[in-house]
Full PDB file with SEQRES, HELIX, SHEET, SSBOND, CRYST1, ORIGX, SCALE, CONECT and MASTER records, all heavy atoms in Angstrom:
SEQRES   1 A   33  GLU VAL ARG ALA CYS GLY ILE CYS ARG THR ASP LEU HIS          
SEQRES   2 A   33  VAL MET ASP GLY GLU LEU PRO HIS PRO ALA LEU PRO LEU          
SEQRES   3 A   33  ILE PRO GLY HIS GLN ILE VAL                                  
HELIX    1 AA1 ARG A    9  MET A   15  1                                   7    
CRYST1    1.000    1.000    1.000  90.00  90.00  90.00 P 1           1          
ORIGX1      1.000000  0.000000  0.000000        0.00000                         
ORIGX2      0.000000  1.000000  0.000000        0.00000                         
ORIGX3      0.000000  0.000000  1.000000        0.00000                         
SCALE1      1.000000  0.000000  0.000000        0.00000                         
SCALE2      0.000000  1.000000  0.000000        0.00000                         
SCALE3      0.000000  0.000000  1.000000        0.00000                         
ATOM      1  N   GLU A   1       0.867  -1.165   0.002  1.00  0.00           N  
ATOM      2  CA  GLU A   1       0.000  -0.006   0.000  1.00  0.00           C  
ATOM      3  C   GLU A   1       0.911   1.220  -0.002  1.00  0.00           C  
ATOM      4  O   GLU A   1       1.615   1.472   0.963  1.00  0.00           O  
ATOM      5  CB  GLU A   1      -0.916   0.016   1.213  1.00  0.00           C  
ATOM      6  CG  GLU A   1      -1.866   1.214   1.238  1.00  0.00           C  
ATOM      7  CD  GLU A   1      -2.729   1.243   2.486  1.00  0.00           C  
ATOM      8  OE1 GLU A   1      -2.298   0.688   3.517  1.00  0.00           O  
ATOM      9  OE2 GLU A   1      -3.818   1.838   2.435  1.00  0.00           O  
ATOM     10  N   VAL A   2       0.904   1.972  -1.102  1.00  0.00           N  
ATOM     11  CA  VAL A   2       1.849   3.070  -1.279  1.00  0.00           C  
ATOM     12  C   VAL A   2       1.410   4.254  -0.450  1.00  0.00           C  
ATOM     13  O   VAL A   2       0.262   4.693  -0.522  1.00  0.00           O  
ATOM     14  CB  VAL A   2       1.963   3.445  -2.770  1.00  0.00           C  
ATOM     15  CG1 VAL A   2       2.957   4.599  -2.944  1.00  0.00           C  
ATOM     16  CG2 VAL A   2       2.391   2.248  -3.606  1.00  0.00           C  
ATOM     17  N   ARG A   3       2.342   4.788   0.335  1.00  0.00           N  
ATOM     18  CA  ARG A   3       2.063   5.970   1.133  1.00  0.00           C  
ATOM     19  C   ARG A   3       2.707   7.217   0.531  1.00  0.00           C  
ATOM     20  O   ARG A   3       2.195   8.330   0.662  1.00  0.00           O  
ATOM     21  CB  ARG A   3       2.577   5.774   2.561  1.00  0.00           C  
ATOM     22  CG  ARG A   3       2.016   4.537   3.261  1.00  0.00           C  
ATOM     23  CD  ARG A   3       0.500   4.579   3.373  1.00  0.00           C  
ATOM     24  NE  ARG A   3       0.065   5.745   4.128  1.00  0.00           N  
ATOM     25  CZ  ARG A   3      -0.027   5.771   5.458  1.00  0.00           C  
ATOM     26  NH1 ARG A   3       0.278   4.702   6.167  1.00  0.00           N  
ATOM     27  NH2 ARG A   3      -0.443   6.854   6.074  1.00  0.00           N  
ATOM     28  N   ALA A   4       3.849   7.048  -0.114  1.00  0.00           N  
ATOM     29  CA  ALA A   4       4.556   8.163  -0.742  1.00  0.00           C  
ATOM     30  C   ALA A   4       5.430   7.615  -1.850  1.00  0.00           C  
ATOM     31  O   ALA A   4       5.895   6.469  -1.790  1.00  0.00           O  
ATOM     32  CB  ALA A   4       5.408   8.910   0.280  1.00  0.00           C  
ATOM     33  N   CYS A   5       5.649   8.436  -2.862  1.00  0.00           N  
ATOM     34  CA  CYS A   5       6.553   8.044  -3.952  1.00  0.00           C  
ATOM     35  C   CYS A   5       7.291   9.293  -4.426  1.00  0.00           C  
ATOM     36  O   CYS A   5       6.672  10.293  -4.817  1.00  0.00           O  
ATOM     37  CB  CYS A   5       5.804   7.412  -5.110  1.00  0.00           C  
ATOM     38  SG  CYS A   5       6.907   6.700  -6.379  1.00  0.00           S  
ATOM     39  N   GLY A   6       8.610   9.232  -4.372  1.00  0.00           N  
ATOM     40  CA  GLY A   6       9.414  10.353  -4.840  1.00  0.00           C  
ATOM     41  C   GLY A   6       9.375  10.485  -6.347  1.00  0.00           C  
ATOM     42  O   GLY A   6       9.108   9.525  -7.078  1.00  0.00           O  
ATOM     43  N   ILE A   7       9.614  11.691  -6.821  1.00  0.00           N  
ATOM     44  CA  ILE A   7       9.664  11.984  -8.254  1.00  0.00           C  
ATOM     45  C   ILE A   7      11.108  12.292  -8.612  1.00  0.00           C  
ATOM     46  O   ILE A   7      11.792  13.053  -7.937  1.00  0.00           O  
ATOM     47  CB  ILE A   7       8.748  13.173  -8.599  1.00  0.00           C  
ATOM     48  CG1 ILE A   7       7.296  12.765  -8.340  1.00  0.00           C  
ATOM     49  CG2 ILE A   7       8.942  13.613 -10.039  1.00  0.00           C  
ATOM     50  CD1 ILE A   7       6.308  13.867  -8.620  1.00  0.00           C  
ATOM     51  N   CYS A   8      11.571  11.667  -9.687  1.00  0.00           N  
ATOM     52  CA  CYS A   8      12.983  11.686 -10.047  1.00  0.00           C  
ATOM     53  C   CYS A   8      13.141  12.178 -11.474  1.00  0.00           C  
ATOM     54  O   CYS A   8      12.228  12.035 -12.300  1.00  0.00           O  
ATOM     55  CB  CYS A   8      13.533  10.262  -9.903  1.00  0.00           C  
ATOM     56  SG  CYS A   8      15.245  10.043 -10.394  1.00  0.00           S  
ATOM     57  N   ARG A   9      14.310  12.727 -11.772  1.00  0.00           N  
ATOM     58  CA  ARG A   9      14.560  13.150 -13.157  1.00  0.00           C  
ATOM     59  C   ARG A   9      14.509  11.963 -14.113  1.00  0.00           C  
ATOM     60  O   ARG A   9      14.189  12.132 -15.292  1.00  0.00           O  
ATOM     61  CB  ARG A   9      15.902  13.863 -13.248  1.00  0.00           C  
ATOM     62  CG  ARG A   9      16.152  14.543 -14.590  1.00  0.00           C  
ATOM     63  CD  ARG A   9      17.210  15.597 -14.532  1.00  0.00           C  
ATOM     64  NE  ARG A   9      16.803  16.749 -13.739  1.00  0.00           N  
ATOM     65  CZ  ARG A   9      16.081  17.751 -14.217  1.00  0.00           C  
ATOM     66  NH1 ARG A   9      15.675  17.761 -15.476  1.00  0.00           N  
ATOM     67  NH2 ARG A   9      15.761  18.785 -13.442  1.00  0.00           N  
ATOM     68  N   THR A  10      14.781  10.766 -13.634  1.00  0.00           N  
ATOM     69  CA  THR A  10      14.649   9.590 -14.483  1.00  0.00           C  
ATOM     70  C   THR A  10      13.215   9.420 -14.956  1.00  0.00           C  
ATOM     71  O   THR A  10      12.969   8.970 -16.083  1.00  0.00           O  
ATOM     72  CB  THR A  10      15.117   8.324 -13.739  1.00  0.00           C  
ATOM     73  OG1 THR A  10      16.485   8.475 -13.375  1.00  0.00           O  
ATOM     74  CG2 THR A  10      14.985   7.083 -14.605  1.00  0.00           C  
ATOM     75  N   ASP A  11      12.244   9.778 -14.115  1.00  0.00           N  
ATOM     76  CA  ASP A  11      10.845   9.744 -14.547  1.00  0.00           C  
ATOM     77  C   ASP A  11      10.634  10.648 -15.764  1.00  0.00           C  
ATOM     78  O   ASP A  11       9.893  10.299 -16.692  1.00  0.00           O  
ATOM     79  CB  ASP A  11       9.912  10.162 -13.412  1.00  0.00           C  
ATOM     80  CG  ASP A  11       9.997   9.234 -12.212  1.00  0.00           C  
ATOM     81  OD1 ASP A  11      10.049   8.021 -12.411  1.00  0.00           O  
ATOM     82  OD2 ASP A  11      10.015   9.742 -11.075  1.00  0.00           O  
ATOM     83  N   LEU A  12      11.295  11.812 -15.763  1.00  0.00           N  
ATOM     84  CA  LEU A  12      11.201  12.699 -16.913  1.00  0.00           C  
ATOM     85  C   LEU A  12      11.848  12.052 -18.148  1.00  0.00           C  
ATOM     86  O   LEU A  12      11.328  12.167 -19.258  1.00  0.00           O  
ATOM     87  CB  LEU A  12      11.886  14.036 -16.616  1.00  0.00           C  
ATOM     88  CG  LEU A  12      11.169  14.988 -15.655  1.00  0.00           C  
ATOM     89  CD1 LEU A  12      12.031  16.226 -15.427  1.00  0.00           C  
ATOM     90  CD2 LEU A  12       9.808  15.388 -16.191  1.00  0.00           C  
ATOM     91  N   HIS A  13      12.994  11.388 -17.967  1.00  0.00           N  
ATOM     92  CA  HIS A  13      13.645  10.738 -19.102  1.00  0.00           C  
ATOM     93  C   HIS A  13      12.748   9.660 -19.708  1.00  0.00           C  
ATOM     94  O   HIS A  13      12.715   9.476 -20.933  1.00  0.00           O  
ATOM     95  CB  HIS A  13      14.972  10.120 -18.675  1.00  0.00           C  
ATOM     96  CG  HIS A  13      15.994  11.119 -18.222  1.00  0.00           C  
ATOM     97  ND1 HIS A  13      16.188  12.324 -18.856  1.00  0.00           N  
ATOM     98  CD2 HIS A  13      16.893  11.077 -17.197  1.00  0.00           C  
ATOM     99  CE1 HIS A  13      17.172  12.990 -18.239  1.00  0.00           C  
ATOM    100  NE2 HIS A  13      17.595  12.255 -17.236  1.00  0.00           N  
ATOM    101  N   VAL A  14      12.012   8.923 -18.862  1.00  0.00           N  
ATOM    102  CA  VAL A  14      11.084   7.904 -19.354  1.00  0.00           C  
ATOM    103  C   VAL A  14       9.940   8.583 -20.104  1.00  0.00           C  
ATOM    104  O   VAL A  14       9.582   8.193 -21.227  1.00  0.00           O  
ATOM    105  CB  VAL A  14      10.542   7.050 -18.199  1.00  0.00           C  
ATOM    106  CG1 VAL A  14       9.439   6.109 -18.688  1.00  0.00           C  
ATOM    107  CG2 VAL A  14      11.664   6.246 -17.552  1.00  0.00           C  
ATOM    108  N   MET A  15       9.354   9.605 -19.508  1.00  0.00           N  
ATOM    109  CA  MET A  15       8.212  10.273 -20.134  1.00  0.00           C  
ATOM    110  C   MET A  15       8.598  10.964 -21.438  1.00  0.00           C  
ATOM    111  O   MET A  15       7.803  11.015 -22.377  1.00  0.00           O  
ATOM    112  CB  MET A  15       7.620  11.290 -19.169  1.00  0.00           C  
ATOM    113  CG  MET A  15       6.910  10.672 -17.988  1.00  0.00           C  
ATOM    114  SD  MET A  15       6.087  11.920 -16.982  1.00  0.00           S  
ATOM    115  CE  MET A  15       4.924  12.612 -18.155  1.00  0.00           C  
ATOM    116  N   ASP A  16       9.822  11.494 -21.515  1.00  0.00           N  
ATOM    117  CA  ASP A  16      10.259  12.224 -22.699  1.00  0.00           C  
ATOM    118  C   ASP A  16      10.786  11.319 -23.802  1.00  0.00           C  
ATOM    119  O   ASP A  16      11.217  11.809 -24.846  1.00  0.00           O  
ATOM    120  CB  ASP A  16      11.352  13.231 -22.312  1.00  0.00           C  
ATOM    121  CG  ASP A  16      10.824  14.356 -21.440  1.00  0.00           C  
ATOM    122  OD1 ASP A  16       9.594  14.514 -21.347  1.00  0.00           O  
ATOM    123  OD2 ASP A  16      11.659  15.085 -20.860  1.00  0.00           O  
ATOM    124  N   GLY A  17      10.798  10.001 -23.583  1.00  0.00           N  
ATOM    125  CA  GLY A  17      11.284   9.074 -24.583  1.00  0.00           C  
ATOM    126  C   GLY A  17      12.798   9.000 -24.673  1.00  0.00           C  
ATOM    127  O   GLY A  17      13.336   8.392 -25.596  1.00  0.00           O  
ATOM    128  N   GLU A  18      13.515   9.595 -23.716  1.00  0.00           N  
ATOM    129  CA  GLU A  18      14.964   9.542 -23.734  1.00  0.00           C  
ATOM    130  C   GLU A  18      15.482   8.199 -23.248  1.00  0.00           C  
ATOM    131  O   GLU A  18      16.597   7.797 -23.582  1.00  0.00           O  
ATOM    132  CB  GLU A  18      15.528  10.683 -22.865  1.00  0.00           C  
ATOM    133  CG  GLU A  18      15.237  12.049 -23.450  1.00  0.00           C  
ATOM    134  CD  GLU A  18      15.527  13.181 -22.482  1.00  0.00           C  
ATOM    135  OE1 GLU A  18      15.430  12.971 -21.253  1.00  0.00           O  
ATOM    136  OE2 GLU A  18      15.842  14.294 -22.953  1.00  0.00           O  
ATOM    137  N   LEU A  19      14.684   7.491 -22.445  1.00  0.00           N  
ATOM    138  CA  LEU A  19      14.935   6.092 -22.129  1.00  0.00           C  
ATOM    139  C   LEU A  19      13.933   5.277 -22.945  1.00  0.00           C  
ATOM    140  O   LEU A  19      12.731   5.296 -22.661  1.00  0.00           O  
ATOM    141  CB  LEU A  19      14.754   5.814 -20.640  1.00  0.00           C  
ATOM    142  CG  LEU A  19      15.764   6.474 -19.707  1.00  0.00           C  
ATOM    143  CD1 LEU A  19      15.473   6.110 -18.260  1.00  0.00           C  
ATOM    144  CD2 LEU A  19      17.189   6.089 -20.074  1.00  0.00           C  
ATOM    145  N   PRO A  20      14.391   4.572 -23.976  1.00  0.00           N  
ATOM    146  CA  PRO A  20      13.470   3.955 -24.935  1.00  0.00           C  
ATOM    147  C   PRO A  20      12.814   2.697 -24.400  1.00  0.00           C  
ATOM    148  O   PRO A  20      13.291   2.067 -23.459  1.00  0.00           O  
ATOM    149  CB  PRO A  20      14.381   3.636 -26.122  1.00  0.00           C  
ATOM    150  CG  PRO A  20      15.717   3.387 -25.501  1.00  0.00           C  
ATOM    151  CD  PRO A  20      15.809   4.349 -24.338  1.00  0.00           C  
ATOM    152  N   HIS A  21      11.681   2.349 -25.009  1.00  0.00           N  
ATOM    153  CA  HIS A  21      10.982   1.082 -24.820  1.00  0.00           C  
ATOM    154  C   HIS A  21      10.503   0.823 -23.392  1.00  0.00           C  
ATOM    155  O   HIS A  21      10.683  -0.267 -22.855  1.00  0.00           O  
ATOM    156  CB  HIS A  21      11.861  -0.082 -25.286  1.00  0.00           C  
ATOM    157  CG  HIS A  21      12.515   0.128 -26.610  1.00  0.00           C  
ATOM    158  ND1 HIS A  21      11.787   0.418 -27.747  1.00  0.00           N  
ATOM    159  CD2 HIS A  21      13.828   0.120 -26.968  1.00  0.00           C  
ATOM    160  CE1 HIS A  21      12.620   0.566 -28.771  1.00  0.00           C  
ATOM    161  NE2 HIS A  21      13.863   0.394 -28.324  1.00  0.00           N  
ATOM    162  N   PRO A  22       9.865   1.798 -22.746  1.00  0.00           N  
ATOM    163  CA  PRO A  22       9.241   1.486 -21.460  1.00  0.00           C  
ATOM    164  C   PRO A  22       8.074   0.526 -21.687  1.00  0.00           C  
ATOM    165  O   PRO A  22       7.546   0.409 -22.789  1.00  0.00           O  
ATOM    166  CB  PRO A  22       8.750   2.858 -20.985  1.00  0.00           C  
ATOM    167  CG  PRO A  22       8.529   3.640 -22.236  1.00  0.00           C  
ATOM    168  CD  PRO A  22       9.602   3.188 -23.187  1.00  0.00           C  
ATOM    169  N   ALA A  23       7.694  -0.168 -20.632  1.00  0.00           N  
ATOM    170  CA  ALA A  23       6.626  -1.182 -20.735  1.00  0.00           C  
ATOM    171  C   ALA A  23       5.274  -0.484 -20.682  1.00  0.00           C  
ATOM    172  O   ALA A  23       4.614  -0.442 -19.648  1.00  0.00           O  
ATOM    173  CB  ALA A  23       6.757  -2.191 -19.600  1.00  0.00           C  
ATOM    174  N   LEU A  24       4.852   0.077 -21.797  1.00  0.00           N  
ATOM    175  CA  LEU A  24       3.603   0.824 -21.861  1.00  0.00           C  
ATOM    176  C   LEU A  24       2.403  -0.118 -21.972  1.00  0.00           C  
ATOM    177  O   LEU A  24       2.491  -1.162 -22.609  1.00  0.00           O  
ATOM    178  CB  LEU A  24       3.624   1.776 -23.061  1.00  0.00           C  
ATOM    179  CG  LEU A  24       4.736   2.831 -23.054  1.00  0.00           C  
ATOM    180  CD1 LEU A  24       4.691   3.642 -24.339  1.00  0.00           C  
ATOM    181  CD2 LEU A  24       4.629   3.737 -21.836  1.00  0.00           C  
ATOM    182  N   PRO A  25       1.228   0.271 -21.415  1.00  0.00           N  
ATOM    183  CA  PRO A  25       1.027   1.411 -20.513  1.00  0.00           C  
ATOM    184  C   PRO A  25       1.751   1.179 -19.204  1.00  0.00           C  
ATOM    185  O   PRO A  25       1.823   0.052 -18.709  1.00  0.00           O  
ATOM    186  CB  PRO A  25      -0.475   1.474 -20.351  1.00  0.00           C  
ATOM    187  CG  PRO A  25      -0.926   0.053 -20.566  1.00  0.00           C  
ATOM    188  CD  PRO A  25      -0.005  -0.516 -21.593  1.00  0.00           C  
ATOM    189  N   LEU A  26       2.275   2.258 -18.635  1.00  0.00           N  
ATOM    190  CA  LEU A  26       3.189   2.152 -17.495  1.00  0.00           C  
ATOM    191  C   LEU A  26       2.762   3.070 -16.367  1.00  0.00           C  
ATOM    192  O   LEU A  26       2.378   4.216 -16.605  1.00  0.00           O  
ATOM    193  CB  LEU A  26       4.598   2.541 -17.961  1.00  0.00           C  
ATOM    194  CG  LEU A  26       5.678   2.649 -16.888  1.00  0.00           C  
ATOM    195  CD1 LEU A  26       6.064   1.260 -16.383  1.00  0.00           C  
ATOM    196  CD2 LEU A  26       6.903   3.378 -17.428  1.00  0.00           C  
ATOM    197  N   ILE A  27       2.873   2.570 -15.131  1.00  0.00           N  
ATOM    198  CA  ILE A  27       2.761   3.411 -13.949  1.00  0.00           C  
ATOM    199  C   ILE A  27       4.170   3.765 -13.515  1.00  0.00           C  
ATOM    200  O   ILE A  27       4.935   2.877 -13.113  1.00  0.00           O  
ATOM    201  CB  ILE A  27       2.028   2.684 -12.805  1.00  0.00           C  
ATOM    202  CG1 ILE A  27       0.618   2.287 -13.246  1.00  0.00           C  
ATOM    203  CG2 ILE A  27       1.967   3.572 -11.557  1.00  0.00           C  
ATOM    204  CD1 ILE A  27      -0.107   1.387 -12.264  1.00  0.00           C  
ATOM    205  N   PRO A  28       4.601   5.027 -13.645  1.00  0.00           N  
ATOM    206  CA  PRO A  28       5.966   5.403 -13.259  1.00  0.00           C  
ATOM    207  C   PRO A  28       6.150   5.411 -11.747  1.00  0.00           C  
ATOM    208  O   PRO A  28       5.227   5.158 -10.978  1.00  0.00           O  
ATOM    209  CB  PRO A  28       6.124   6.799 -13.864  1.00  0.00           C  
ATOM    210  CG  PRO A  28       4.968   6.993 -14.771  1.00  0.00           C  
ATOM    211  CD  PRO A  28       3.860   6.146 -14.228  1.00  0.00           C  
ATOM    212  N   GLY A  29       7.372   5.772 -11.342  1.00  0.00           N  
ATOM    213  CA  GLY A  29       7.666   5.980  -9.929  1.00  0.00           C  
ATOM    214  C   GLY A  29       8.530   4.886  -9.337  1.00  0.00           C  
ATOM    215  O   GLY A  29       8.118   3.714  -9.326  1.00  0.00           O  
ATOM    216  N   HIS A  30       9.706   5.264  -8.840  1.00  0.00           N  
ATOM    217  CA  HIS A  30      10.631   4.249  -8.326  1.00  0.00           C  
ATOM    218  C   HIS A  30      11.289   4.655  -7.008  1.00  0.00           C  
ATOM    219  O   HIS A  30      12.381   4.185  -6.694  1.00  0.00           O  
ATOM    220  CB  HIS A  30      11.703   3.937  -9.372  1.00  0.00           C  
ATOM    221  CG  HIS A  30      12.507   5.134  -9.777  1.00  0.00           C  
ATOM    222  ND1 HIS A  30      12.100   5.989 -10.782  1.00  0.00           N  
ATOM    223  CD2 HIS A  30      13.684   5.627  -9.329  1.00  0.00           C  
ATOM    224  CE1 HIS A  30      12.994   6.945 -10.931  1.00  0.00           C  
ATOM    225  NE2 HIS A  30      13.972   6.754 -10.039  1.00  0.00           N  
ATOM    226  N   GLN A  31      10.632   5.481  -6.244  1.00  0.00           N  
ATOM    227  CA  GLN A  31      11.072   5.808  -4.890  1.00  0.00           C  
ATOM    228  C   GLN A  31       9.869   5.611  -3.972  1.00  0.00           C  
ATOM    229  O   GLN A  31       9.292   6.562  -3.469  1.00  0.00           O  
ATOM    230  CB  GLN A  31      11.605   7.243  -4.810  1.00  0.00           C  
ATOM    231  CG  GLN A  31      12.796   7.503  -5.721  1.00  0.00           C  
ATOM    232  CD  GLN A  31      13.309   8.931  -5.618  1.00  0.00           C  
ATOM    233  OE1 GLN A  31      14.208   9.230  -4.856  1.00  0.00           O  
ATOM    234  NE2 GLN A  31      12.719   9.835  -6.394  1.00  0.00           N  
ATOM    235  N   ILE A  32       9.511   4.334  -3.781  1.00  0.00           N  
ATOM    236  CA  ILE A  32       8.240   3.968  -3.160  1.00  0.00           C  
ATOM    237  C   ILE A  32       8.417   3.718  -1.670  1.00  0.00           C  
ATOM    238  O   ILE A  32       9.320   2.982  -1.263  1.00  0.00           O  
ATOM    239  CB  ILE A  32       7.656   2.693  -3.822  1.00  0.00           C  
ATOM    240  CG1 ILE A  32       7.516   2.881  -5.339  1.00  0.00           C  
ATOM    241  CG2 ILE A  32       6.327   2.332  -3.193  1.00  0.00           C  
ATOM    242  CD1 ILE A  32       7.160   1.596  -6.080  1.00  0.00           C  
ATOM    243  N   VAL A  33       7.552   4.301  -0.868  1.00  0.00           N  
ATOM    244  CA  VAL A  33       7.482   3.988   0.557  1.00  0.00           C  
ATOM    245  C   VAL A  33       6.056   3.563   0.863  1.00  0.00           C  
ATOM    246  O   VAL A  33       5.090   4.238   0.466  1.00  0.00           O  
ATOM    247  CB  VAL A  33       7.858   5.205   1.424  1.00  0.00           C  
ATOM    248  CG1 VAL A  33       7.638   4.893   2.912  1.00  0.00           C  
ATOM    249  CG2 VAL A  33       9.308   5.598   1.191  1.00  0.00           C  
TER     250      VAL A  33                                                      
MASTER        0    0    0    1    0    0    0    6  249    1    0    3          
END                                                                             
């Protein structure tokens, strides 16, 4: 059960297509508490 999730510049790289081939449709976020 997610209580907080940090936002990272890597999230921007995924959204901007600078990191190719994300598993779309995708729920971003990788600083999960």
